[in-house]
PDB file of N, CA and C in Angstrom:
ATOM      1  N   MET A   1     113.204  -1.153 162.503  1.00  0.00           N
ATOM      2  CA  MET A   1     112.052  -1.369 161.951  1.00  0.00           C
ATOM      3  C   MET A   1     111.803  -3.098 162.488  1.00  0.00           C
ATOM      4  N   PRO A   2     112.559  -3.846 161.789  1.00  0.00           N
ATOM      5  CA  PRO A   2     112.163  -5.332 162.401  1.00  0.00           C
ATOM      6  C   PRO A   2     112.020  -5.724 163.748  1.00  0.00           C
ATOM      7  N   SER A   3     112.976  -4.823 164.405  1.00  0.00           N
ATOM      8  CA  SER A   3     112.965  -5.260 166.047  1.00  0.00           C
ATOM      9  C   SER A   3     111.536  -4.496 166.817  1.00  0.00           C
ATOM     10  N   LEU A   4     110.742  -3.628 166.044  1.00  0.00           N
ATOM     11  CA  LEU A   4     109.662  -2.818 166.518  1.00  0.00           C
ATOM     12  C   LEU A   4     108.762  -3.630 166.367  1.00  0.00           C
ATOM     13  N   THR A   5     108.519  -4.196 164.894  1.00  0.00           N
ATOM     14  CA  THR A   5     107.574  -4.991 164.631  1.00  0.00           C
ATOM     15  C   THR A   5     107.555  -6.508 165.379  1.00  0.00           C
ATOM     16  N   ARG A   6     108.477  -7.058 165.500  1.00  0.00           N
ATOM     17  CA  ARG A   6     108.613  -8.390 166.320  1.00  0.00           C
ATOM     18  C   ARG A   6     108.365  -7.689 167.796  1.00  0.00           C
ATOM     19  N   GLU A   7     108.468  -6.682 168.175  1.00  0.00           N
ATOM     20  CA  GLU A   7     107.747  -6.470 169.600  1.00  0.00           C
ATOM     21  C   GLU A   7     106.097  -6.215 169.534  1.00  0.00           C
ATOM     22  N   GLY A   8     105.536  -6.165 168.483  1.00  0.00           N
ATOM     23  CA  GLY A   8     104.335  -6.387 168.308  1.00  0.00           C
ATOM     24  C   GLY A   8     103.729  -4.435 168.137  1.00  0.00           C
ATOM     25  N   THR A   9     104.900  -3.953 168.032  1.00  0.00           N
ATOM     26  CA  THR A   9     104.786  -2.098 167.581  1.00  0.00           C
ATOM     27  C   THR A   9     104.128  -2.080 166.216  1.00  0.00           C
ATOM     28  N   SER A  10     103.478  -0.960 166.263  1.00  0.00           N
ATOM     29  CA  SER A  10     103.056  -0.637 164.940  1.00  0.00           C
ATOM     30  C   SER A  10     103.736   0.630 164.391  1.00  0.00           C
ATOM     31  N   VAL A  11     104.124   0.741 163.267  1.00  0.00           N
ATOM     32  CA  VAL A  11     105.097   1.734 162.692  1.00  0.00           C
ATOM     33  C   VAL A  11     104.206   2.482 161.397  1.00  0.00           C
ATOM     34  N   VAL A  12     104.285   3.823 161.586  1.00  0.00           N
ATOM     35  CA  VAL A  12     103.857   4.499 160.459  1.00  0.00           C
ATOM     36  C   VAL A  12     105.098   5.146 159.893  1.00  0.00           C
ATOM     37  N   LEU A  13     104.910   4.980 158.302  1.00  0.00           N
ATOM     38  CA  LEU A  13     105.764   5.512 157.304  1.00  0.00           C
ATOM     39  C   LEU A  13     104.855   6.373 156.821  1.00  0.00           C
ATOM     40  N   ASP A  14     105.323   7.981 156.558  1.00  0.00           N
ATOM     41  CA  ASP A  14     104.797   8.910 155.879  1.00  0.00           C
ATOM     42  C   ASP A  14     105.667   9.300 154.758  1.00  0.00           C
ATOM     43  N   PHE A  15     104.563   9.547 153.617  1.00  0.00           N
ATOM     44  CA  PHE A  15     105.524   9.906 151.894  1.00  0.00           C
ATOM     45  C   PHE A  15     104.663  11.187 151.589  1.00  0.00           C
ATOM     46  N   ILE A  16     105.131  11.742 151.422  1.00  0.00           N
ATOM     47  CA  ILE A  16     104.222  13.087 150.067  1.00  0.00           C
ATOM     48  C   ILE A  16     105.224  12.503 149.023  1.00  0.00           C
ATOM     49  N   LEU A  17     104.771  12.081 147.799  1.00  0.00           N
ATOM     50  CA  LEU A  17     105.232  11.264 146.735  1.00  0.00           C
ATOM     51  C   LEU A  17     105.240  12.976 145.596  1.00  0.00           C
ATOM     52  N   TYR A  18     106.471  13.078 145.061  1.00  0.00           N
ATOM     53  CA  TYR A  18     106.692  14.009 144.172  1.00  0.00           C
ATOM     54  C   TYR A  18     107.275  13.598 142.712  1.00  0.00           C
ATOM     55  N   ASN A  19     107.593  12.238 143.044  1.00  0.00           N
ATOM     56  CA  ASN A  19     107.861  11.577 141.681  1.00  0.00           C
ATOM     57  C   ASN A  19     107.127  10.433 141.390  1.00  0.00           C
ATOM     58  N   THR A  20     107.094   9.785 140.273  1.00  0.00           N
ATOM     59  CA  THR A  20     106.426   8.602 139.928  1.00  0.00           C
ATOM     60  C   THR A  20     107.737   7.492 140.061  1.00  0.00           C
ATOM     61  N   ALA A  21     107.089   6.334 140.224  1.00  0.00           N
ATOM     62  CA  ALA A  21     108.195   5.151 140.479  1.00  0.00           C
ATOM     63  C   ALA A  21     109.129   5.179 139.573  1.00  0.00           C
ATOM     64  N   PRO A  22     110.408   4.732 140.315  1.00  0.00           N
ATOM     65  CA  PRO A  22     110.816   4.727 141.820  1.00  0.00           C
ATOM     66  C   PRO A  22     110.731   5.606 142.402  1.00  0.00           C
ATOM     67  N   ASN A  23     110.126   5.744 143.626  1.00  0.00           N
ATOM     68  CA  ASN A  23     110.088   6.571 144.922  1.00  0.00           C
ATOM     69  C   ASN A  23     110.492   5.918 146.200  1.00  0.00           C
ATOM     70  N   PRO A  24     110.630   6.744 146.966  1.00  0.00           N
ATOM     71  CA  PRO A  24     110.658   6.073 148.472  1.00  0.00           C
ATOM     72  C   PRO A  24     109.968   5.147 148.912  1.00  0.00           C
ATOM     73  N   LEU A  25     108.434   5.275 148.633  1.00  0.00           N
ATOM     74  CA  LEU A  25     107.342   4.336 148.785  1.00  0.00           C
ATOM     75  C   LEU A  25     107.526   2.979 148.163  1.00  0.00           C
ATOM     76  N   THR A  26     107.913   3.115 146.861  1.00  0.00           N
ATOM     77  CA  THR A  26     107.884   2.061 145.963  1.00  0.00           C
ATOM     78  C   THR A  26     109.140   1.145 146.322  1.00  0.00           C
ATOM     79  N   ALA A  27     110.228   1.767 147.212  1.00  0.00           N
ATOM     80  CA  ALA A  27     111.546   1.148 147.684  1.00  0.00           C
ATOM     81  C   ALA A  27     111.394   0.386 148.763  1.00  0.00           C
ATOM     82  N   TYR A  28     110.252   1.306 149.886  1.00  0.00           N
ATOM     83  CA  TYR A  28     110.138   0.455 151.029  1.00  0.00           C
ATOM     84  C   TYR A  28     109.244  -0.909 150.808  1.00  0.00           C
ATOM     85  N   SER A  29     108.212  -0.997 150.034  1.00  0.00           N
ATOM     86  CA  SER A  29     107.111  -2.182 150.126  1.00  0.00           C
ATOM     87  C   SER A  29     107.798  -3.419 149.550  1.00  0.00           C
ATOM     88  N   PRO A  30     108.798  -3.456 148.772  1.00  0.00           N
ATOM     89  CA  PRO A  30     109.633  -4.834 148.228  1.00  0.00           C
ATOM     90  C   PRO A  30     110.677  -5.072 149.811  1.00  0.00           C
ATOM     91  N   ALA A  31     111.257  -3.897 150.532  1.00  0.00           N
ATOM     92  CA  ALA A  31     112.009  -4.015 151.724  1.00  0.00           C
ATOM     93  C   ALA A  31     111.318  -4.821 152.818  1.00  0.00           C
ATOM     94  N   LEU A  32     109.744  -4.472 152.977  1.00  0.00           N
ATOM     95  CA  LEU A  32     109.003  -4.513 153.887  1.00  0.00           C
ATOM     96  C   LEU A  32     108.629  -6.054 153.605  1.00  0.00           C
ATOM     97  N   ASP A  33     108.211  -6.669 152.492  1.00  0.00           N
ATOM     98  CA  ASP A  33     107.934  -7.831 152.196  1.00  0.00           C
ATOM     99  C   ASP A  33     109.270  -9.103 152.286  1.00  0.00           C
ATOM    100  N   GLN A  34     110.439  -8.637 152.177  1.00  0.00           N
ATOM    101  CA  GLN A  34     111.530  -9.183 152.175  1.00  0.00           C
ATOM    102  C   GLN A  34     111.826  -9.394 153.563  1.00  0.00           C
ATOM    103  N   MET A  35     111.251  -8.786 154.673  1.00  0.00           N
ATOM    104  CA  MET A  35     111.547  -8.704 155.983  1.00  0.00           C
ATOM    105  C   MET A  35     110.354  -9.503 156.601  1.00  0.00           C
ATOM    106  N   SER A  36     109.311 -10.049 156.008  1.00  0.00           N
ATOM    107  CA  SER A  36     108.356 -10.702 156.090  1.00  0.00           C
ATOM    108  C   SER A  36     107.478  -9.586 157.158  1.00  0.00           C
ATOM    109  N   ILE A  37     107.615  -8.284 156.760  1.00  0.00           N
ATOM    110  CA  ILE A  37     106.447  -7.328 157.936  1.00  0.00           C
ATOM    111  C   ILE A  37     105.435  -6.992 156.883  1.00  0.00           C
ATOM    112  N   ALA A  38     104.161  -7.304 157.929  1.00  0.00           N
ATOM    113  CA  ALA A  38     103.230  -7.220 157.327  1.00  0.00           C
ATOM    114  C   ALA A  38     102.631  -5.593 157.204  1.00  0.00           C
ATOM    115  N   PHE A  39     102.298  -5.004 156.201  1.00  0.00           N
ATOM    116  CA  PHE A  39     101.993  -3.711 155.702  1.00  0.00           C
ATOM    117  C   PHE A  39     100.688  -3.678 154.751  1.00  0.00           C
ATOM    118  N   CYS A  40     100.272  -2.301 155.497  1.00  0.00           N
ATOM    119  CA  CYS A  40      99.090  -1.498 154.750  1.00  0.00           C
ATOM    120  C   CYS A  40      99.312  -0.178 154.089  1.00  0.00           C
ATOM    121  N   THR A  41      99.062  -0.062 152.734  1.00  0.00           N
ATOM    122  CA  THR A  41      99.092   1.071 152.114  1.00  0.00           C
ATOM    123  C   THR A  41      97.726   1.884 152.089  1.00  0.00           C
ATOM    124  N   ILE A  42      97.705   2.920 152.857  1.00  0.00           N
ATOM    125  CA  ILE A  42      96.518   3.950 152.619  1.00  0.00           C
ATOM    126  C   ILE A  42      96.972   5.284 152.184  1.00  0.00           C
ATOM    127  N   ALA A  43      96.446   5.405 150.945  1.00  0.00           N
ATOM    128  CA  ALA A  43      96.691   6.816 150.336  1.00  0.00           C
ATOM    129  C   ALA A  43      95.696   7.990 150.797  1.00  0.00           C
ATOM    130  N   LEU A  44      95.949   9.214 151.285  1.00  0.00           N
ATOM    131  CA  LEU A  44      95.448  10.317 151.354  1.00  0.00           C
ATOM    132  C   LEU A  44      95.282  11.184 150.359  1.00  0.00           C
ATOM    133  N   ARG A  45      94.157  11.271 149.946  1.00  0.00           N
ATOM    134  CA  ARG A  45      93.704  12.100 148.735  1.00  0.00           C
ATOM    135  C   ARG A  45      93.143  13.190 148.890  1.00  0.00           C
ATOM    136  N   PRO A  46      93.442  14.268 149.789  1.00  0.00           N
ATOM    137  CA  PRO A  46      92.607  15.485 149.837  1.00  0.00           C
ATOM    138  C   PRO A  46      92.379  16.337 148.868  1.00  0.00           C
ATOM    139  N   SER A  47      91.206  17.093 148.602  1.00  0.00           N
ATOM    140  CA  SER A  47      91.327  17.871 147.666  1.00  0.00           C
ATOM    141  C   SER A  47      92.343  19.100 147.660  1.00  0.00           C
ATOM    142  N   VAL A  48      92.695  19.615 146.268  1.00  0.00           N
ATOM    143  CA  VAL A  48      93.781  20.347 146.259  1.00  0.00           C
ATOM    144  C   VAL A  48      93.185  22.165 147.286  1.00  0.00           C
ATOM    145  N   ASP A  49      91.661  21.996 146.995  1.00  0.00           N
ATOM    146  CA  ASP A  49      91.696  23.147 148.206  1.00  0.00           C
ATOM    147  C   ASP A  49      91.903  22.916 149.496  1.00  0.00           C
ATOM    148  N   ALA A  50      91.511  21.484 150.164  1.00  0.00           N
ATOM    149  CA  ALA A  50      91.684  21.133 151.357  1.00  0.00           C
ATOM    150  C   ALA A  50      93.363  21.444 151.780  1.00  0.00           C
ATOM    151  N   ILE A  51      94.559  20.867 150.807  1.00  0.00           N
ATOM    152  CA  ILE A  51      95.745  21.104 151.054  1.00  0.00           C
ATOM    153  C   ILE A  51      96.408  22.504 151.115  1.00  0.00           C
ATOM    154  N   ILE A  52      95.747  23.350 150.110  1.00  0.00           N
ATOM    155  CA  ILE A  52      96.095  24.847 150.049  1.00  0.00           C
ATOM    156  C   ILE A  52      95.566  25.668 151.322  1.00  0.00           C
ATOM    157  N   ASP A  53      94.084  25.131 151.795  1.00  0.00           N
ATOM    158  CA  ASP A  53      93.598  25.455 153.166  1.00  0.00           C
ATOM    159  C   ASP A  53      94.540  25.198 154.244  1.00  0.00           C
ATOM    160  N   ARG A  54      95.096  24.024 154.286  1.00  0.00           N
ATOM    161  CA  ARG A  54      95.995  23.526 155.336  1.00  0.00           C
ATOM    162  C   ARG A  54      97.265  24.851 155.398  1.00  0.00           C
ATOM    163  N   MET A  55      97.934  24.903 154.255  1.00  0.00           N
ATOM    164  CA  MET A  55      98.957  25.546 154.112  1.00  0.00           C
ATOM    165  C   MET A  55      98.580  26.728 154.449  1.00  0.00           C
ATOM    166  N   THR A  56      97.819  27.480 154.065  1.00  0.00           N
ATOM    167  CA  THR A  56      97.148  28.911 154.733  1.00  0.00           C
ATOM    168  C   THR A  56      97.252  28.810 156.164  1.00  0.00           C
ATOM    169  N   MET A  57      96.530  27.659 156.914  1.00  0.00           N
ATOM    170  CA  MET A  57      96.746  27.624 158.323  1.00  0.00           C
ATOM    171  C   MET A  57      97.772  27.660 158.808  1.00  0.00           C
ATOM    172  N   ARG A  58      98.397  26.829 158.327  1.00  0.00           N
ATOM    173  CA  ARG A  58      99.874  26.657 158.708  1.00  0.00           C
ATOM    174  C   ARG A  58     100.598  27.825 159.001  1.00  0.00           C
ATOM    175  N   GLY A  59     100.619  28.867 158.165  1.00  0.00           N
ATOM    176  CA  GLY A  59     100.938  30.172 157.956  1.00  0.00           C
ATOM    177  C   GLY A  59     102.700  30.216 157.564  1.00  0.00           C
ATOM    178  N   ARG A  60     103.112  29.221 156.635  1.00  0.00           N
ATOM    179  CA  ARG A  60     104.243  28.990 156.508  1.00  0.00           C
ATOM    180  C   ARG A  60     104.542  30.387 155.014  1.00  0.00           C
ATOM    181  N   ALA A  61     105.694  31.423 155.549  1.00  0.00           N
ATOM    182  CA  ALA A  61     105.691  32.513 154.509  1.00  0.00           C
ATOM    183  C   ALA A  61     106.086  32.001 153.071  1.00  0.00           C
ATOM    184  N   ASN A  62     106.654  30.867 152.856  1.00  0.00           N
ATOM    185  CA  ASN A  62     107.216  30.295 151.839  1.00  0.00           C
ATOM    186  C   ASN A  62     105.706  29.440 151.029  1.00  0.00           C
ATOM    187  N   ASP A  63     105.345  29.195 151.940  1.00  0.00           N
ATOM    188  CA  ASP A  63     103.630  28.329 151.169  1.00  0.00           C
ATOM    189  C   ASP A  63     102.998  29.458 150.986  1.00  0.00           C
ATOM    190  N   LEU A  64     102.784  30.599 151.517  1.00  0.00           N
ATOM    191  CA  LEU A  64     102.056  31.324 150.843  1.00  0.00           C
ATOM    192  C   LEU A  64     102.454  32.535 150.184  1.00  0.00           C
ATOM    193  N   ALA A  65     103.898  32.337 149.765  1.00  0.00           N
ATOM    194  CA  ALA A  65     104.427  33.492 148.774  1.00  0.00           C
ATOM    195  C   ALA A  65     104.055  33.297 147.278  1.00  0.00           C
ATOM    196  N   ASP A  66     103.674  32.086 146.662  1.00  0.00           N
ATOM    197  CA  ASP A  66     102.757  32.109 145.679  1.00  0.00           C
ATOM    198  C   ASP A  66     101.722  31.273 145.523  1.00  0.00           C
ATOM    199  N   HIS A  67     100.393  31.544 145.643  1.00  0.00           N
ATOM    200  CA  HIS A  67      99.330  31.029 145.940  1.00  0.00           C
ATOM    201  C   HIS A  67      99.282  29.803 144.617  1.00  0.00           C
ATOM    202  N   ASP A  68      99.631  30.401 143.511  1.00  0.00           N
ATOM    203  CA  ASP A  68      99.114  29.942 142.113  1.00  0.00           C
ATOM    204  C   ASP A  68     100.113  28.598 142.103  1.00  0.00           C
ATOM    205  N   LEU A  69     101.447  28.677 142.261  1.00  0.00           N
ATOM    206  CA  LEU A  69     102.201  27.862 142.184  1.00  0.00           C
ATOM    207  C   LEU A  69     102.207  26.694 143.104  1.00  0.00           C
ATOM    208  N   ARG A  70     101.647  27.461 144.627  1.00  0.00           N
ATOM    209  CA  ARG A  70     101.445  26.013 145.654  1.00  0.00           C
ATOM    210  C   ARG A  70     100.021  25.372 145.080  1.00  0.00           C
ATOM    211  N   ARG A  71      98.779  25.830 144.192  1.00  0.00           N
ATOM    212  CA  ARG A  71      98.024  25.036 143.840  1.00  0.00           C
ATOM    213  C   ARG A  71      98.493  24.317 142.943  1.00  0.00           C
ATOM    214  N   ARG A  72      99.311  24.520 141.887  1.00  0.00           N
ATOM    215  CA  ARG A  72      99.960  23.558 140.763  1.00  0.00           C
ATOM    216  C   ARG A  72     100.431  22.651 141.283  1.00  0.00           C
ATOM    217  N   GLN A  73     101.404  22.907 142.365  1.00  0.00           N
ATOM    218  CA  GLN A  73     102.121  21.973 142.977  1.00  0.00           C
ATOM    219  C   GLN A  73     101.280  20.447 143.496  1.00  0.00           C
ATOM    220  N   ALA A  74     100.328  21.218 144.234  1.00  0.00           N
ATOM    221  CA  ALA A  74      99.653  20.297 145.016  1.00  0.00           C
ATOM    222  C   ALA A  74      98.127  19.651 144.233  1.00  0.00           C
ATOM    223  N   ALA A  75      98.160  20.141 142.667  1.00  0.00           N
ATOM    224  CA  ALA A  75      97.683  19.156 142.019  1.00  0.00           C
ATOM    225  C   ALA A  75      98.302  18.237 141.298  1.00  0.00           C
ATOM    226  N   ASP A  76      99.797  18.434 141.047  1.00  0.00           N
ATOM    227  CA  ASP A  76     100.929  17.496 140.621  1.00  0.00           C
ATOM    228  C   ASP A  76     101.158  16.793 141.616  1.00  0.00           C
ATOM    229  N   GLN A  77     101.085  16.749 142.957  1.00  0.00           N
ATOM    230  CA  GLN A  77     101.053  15.817 143.822  1.00  0.00           C
ATOM    231  C   GLN A  77     100.125  14.733 143.981  1.00  0.00           C
ATOM    232  N   LEU A  78      99.129  14.974 143.848  1.00  0.00           N
ATOM    233  CA  LEU A  78      97.791  14.274 143.624  1.00  0.00           C
ATOM    234  C   LEU A  78      97.949  13.536 142.507  1.00  0.00           C
ATOM    235  N   ALA A  79      98.163  13.944 140.862  1.00  0.00           N
ATOM    236  CA  ALA A  79      98.390  13.067 140.070  1.00  0.00           C
ATOM    237  C   ALA A  79      99.631  12.319 140.116  1.00  0.00           C
ATOM    238  N   THR A  80     100.358  12.735 140.647  1.00  0.00           N
ATOM    239  CA  THR A  80     101.822  11.782 140.601  1.00  0.00           C
ATOM    240  C   THR A  80     101.353  10.515 141.459  1.00  0.00           C
ATOM    241  N   MET A  81     100.549  10.592 142.921  1.00  0.00           N
ATOM    242  CA  MET A  81     100.063   9.681 143.189  1.00  0.00           C
ATOM    243  C   MET A  81      99.217   8.437 142.524  1.00  0.00           C
ATOM    244  N   SER A  82      98.523   9.067 141.652  1.00  0.00           N
ATOM    245  CA  SER A  82      97.704   8.065 140.770  1.00  0.00           C
ATOM    246  C   SER A  82      98.735   7.402 139.771  1.00  0.00           C
ATOM    247  N   ALA A  83      99.759   7.913 139.520  1.00  0.00           N
ATOM    248  CA  ALA A  83     100.635   7.348 138.517  1.00  0.00           C
ATOM    249  C   ALA A  83     101.863   6.893 139.369  1.00  0.00           C
ATOM    250  N   ALA A  84     101.861   6.837 140.636  1.00  0.00           N
ATOM    251  CA  ALA A  84     103.162   6.546 141.007  1.00  0.00           C
ATOM    252  C   ALA A  84     103.909   5.000 141.277  1.00  0.00           C
ATOM    253  N   GLY A  85     102.969   4.208 140.671  1.00  0.00           N
ATOM    254  CA  GLY A  85     103.269   2.836 141.058  1.00  0.00           C
ATOM    255  C   GLY A  85     103.116   2.120 142.056  1.00  0.00           C
ATOM    256  N   VAL A  86     102.064   2.863 142.608  1.00  0.00           N
ATOM    257  CA  VAL A  86     101.625   2.287 144.127  1.00  0.00           C
ATOM    258  C   VAL A  86     100.106   1.924 143.719  1.00  0.00           C
ATOM    259  N   THR A  87     100.096   0.678 144.756  1.00  0.00           N
ATOM    260  CA  THR A  87      98.497  -0.083 144.839  1.00  0.00           C
ATOM    261  C   THR A  87      98.158   0.104 146.221  1.00  0.00           C
ATOM    262  N   PRO A  88      97.186   1.195 146.271  1.00  0.00           N
ATOM    263  CA  PRO A  88      97.147   1.664 147.916  1.00  0.00           C
ATOM    264  C   PRO A  88      96.245   0.362 148.348  1.00  0.00           C
ATOM    265  N   HIS A  89      95.972  -0.237 149.519  1.00  0.00           N
ATOM    266  CA  HIS A  89      94.859  -1.007 150.208  1.00  0.00           C
ATOM    267  C   HIS A  89      93.539  -0.096 149.809  1.00  0.00           C
ATOM    268  N   GLN A  90      93.688   0.848 150.434  1.00  0.00           N
ATOM    269  CA  GLN A  90      92.723   2.011 150.606  1.00  0.00           C
ATOM    270  C   GLN A  90      93.164   3.233 150.324  1.00  0.00           C
ATOM    271  N   THR A  91      91.953   3.957 149.774  1.00  0.00           N
ATOM    272  CA  THR A  91      92.296   5.292 149.095  1.00  0.00           C
ATOM    273  C   THR A  91      91.460   6.056 150.462  1.00  0.00           C
ATOM    274  N   LEU A  92      91.669   7.232 150.912  1.00  0.00           N
ATOM    275  CA  LEU A  92      91.056   8.133 152.065  1.00  0.00           C
ATOM    276  C   LEU A  92      90.938   9.569 151.632  1.00  0.00           C
ATOM    277  N   ASP A  93      89.920   9.765 151.275  1.00  0.00           N
ATOM    278  CA  ASP A  93      89.343  11.143 151.114  1.00  0.00           C
ATOM    279  C   ASP A  93      89.629  11.929 152.345  1.00  0.00           C
ATOM    280  N   SER A  94      90.594  12.977 152.670  1.00  0.00           N
ATOM    281  CA  SER A  94      90.899  12.997 153.775  1.00  0.00           C
ATOM    282  C   SER A  94      90.375  14.857 153.860  1.00  0.00           C
ATOM    283  N   THR A  95      89.771  14.880 152.648  1.00  0.00           N
ATOM    284  CA  THR A  95      89.531  16.741 153.062  1.00  0.00           C
ATOM    285  C   THR A  95      88.604  16.805 154.045  1.00  0.00           C
ATOM    286  N   GLY A  96      88.337  17.819 154.761  1.00  0.00           N
ATOM    287  CA  GLY A  96      87.477  18.249 156.047  1.00  0.00           C
ATOM    288  C   GLY A  96      87.761  17.304 157.406  1.00  0.00           C
ATOM    289  N   LEU A  97      89.092  16.505 157.320  1.00  0.00           N
ATOM    290  CA  LEU A  97      89.275  15.697 158.429  1.00  0.00           C
ATOM    291  C   LEU A  97      90.467  16.141 159.329  1.00  0.00           C
ATOM    292  N   SER A  98      90.106  15.891 160.671  1.00  0.00           N
ATOM    293  CA  SER A  98      91.392  16.331 161.393  1.00  0.00           C
ATOM    294  C   SER A  98      92.559  15.202 161.115  1.00  0.00           C
ATOM    295  N   ALA A  99      93.451  15.646 161.387  1.00  0.00           N
ATOM    296  CA  ALA A  99      94.387  14.272 162.200  1.00  0.00           C
ATOM    297  C   ALA A  99      94.286  13.305 162.666  1.00  0.00           C
ATOM    298  N   HIS A 100      93.535  13.443 163.859  1.00  0.00           N
ATOM    299  CA  HIS A 100      93.163  12.304 164.778  1.00  0.00           C
ATOM    300  C   HIS A 100      91.619  11.797 164.033  1.00  0.00           C
ATOM    301  N   GLN A 101      91.123  11.875 163.452  1.00  0.00           N
ATOM    302  CA  GLN A 101      89.956  11.642 162.480  1.00  0.00           C
ATOM    303  C   GLN A 101      90.880  10.670 161.504  1.00  0.00           C
ATOM    304  N   VAL A 102      91.867  11.001 160.591  1.00  0.00           N
ATOM    305  CA  VAL A 102      92.400  10.275 159.773  1.00  0.00           C
ATOM    306  C   VAL A 102      93.090   9.033 160.418  1.00  0.00           C
ATOM    307  N   GLY A 103      93.544   9.397 161.656  1.00  0.00           N
ATOM    308  CA  GLY A 103      94.379   8.169 162.063  1.00  0.00           C
ATOM    309  C   GLY A 103      93.081   7.269 162.388  1.00  0.00           C
ATOM    310  N   ASP A 104      92.096   7.667 162.938  1.00  0.00           N
ATOM    311  CA  ASP A 104      91.117   6.762 163.386  1.00  0.00           C
ATOM    312  C   ASP A 104      90.551   5.836 161.995  1.00  0.00           C
ATOM    313  N   ARG A 105      90.370   6.697 161.051  1.00  0.00           N
ATOM    314  CA  ARG A 105      89.810   5.817 159.828  1.00  0.00           C
ATOM    315  C   ARG A 105      90.988   4.921 159.575  1.00  0.00           C
ATOM    316  N   CYS A 106      92.301   5.411 159.558  1.00  0.00           N
ATOM    317  CA  CYS A 106      93.292   4.570 159.106  1.00  0.00           C
ATOM    318  C   CYS A 106      93.673   2.989 159.916  1.00  0.00           C
ATOM    319  N   ILE A 107      93.304   3.379 161.343  1.00  0.00           N
ATOM    320  CA  ILE A 107      93.165   2.168 162.091  1.00  0.00           C
ATOM    321  C   ILE A 107      92.162   1.211 161.969  1.00  0.00           C
ATOM    322  N   ALA A 108      90.968   1.761 161.443  1.00  0.00           N
ATOM    323  CA  ALA A 108      89.701   0.971 161.422  1.00  0.00           C
ATOM    324  C   ALA A 108      89.906   0.283 160.151  1.00  0.00           C
ATOM    325  N   THR A 109      90.445   0.693 159.217  1.00  0.00           N
ATOM    326  CA  THR A 109      90.907   0.038 158.089  1.00  0.00           C
ATOM    327  C   THR A 109      92.075  -1.314 157.938  1.00  0.00           C
ATOM    328  N   ILE A 110      92.747  -1.172 158.987  1.00  0.00           N
ATOM    329  CA  ILE A 110      93.810  -2.342 159.134  1.00  0.00           C
ATOM    330  C   ILE A 110      93.208  -3.099 160.668  1.00  0.00           C
TER     331      ILE A 110
END
């Protein structure tokens, strides 16, 4: 990653947080600081309904097997993000946005 950023290339790291700190995101932040790599943390917070809708659209059998369980897990993941020890530079409600729209809004933020 340092060689990419020295070349002026942007890098996106994508995390789904299943645990509060320490977690992969809280491990990356100090590592990026130590390498003097500028970064911006943007937390995406869709609604639980939006998460379930996306799972349904993907149609993976495992996601569709237990709707109530997936709904509880989605709510837990959103709650974990709030308590994960991560202070995002910005939080974006991605409910109803396409991946392209999310990308555009993130780029506009930085």
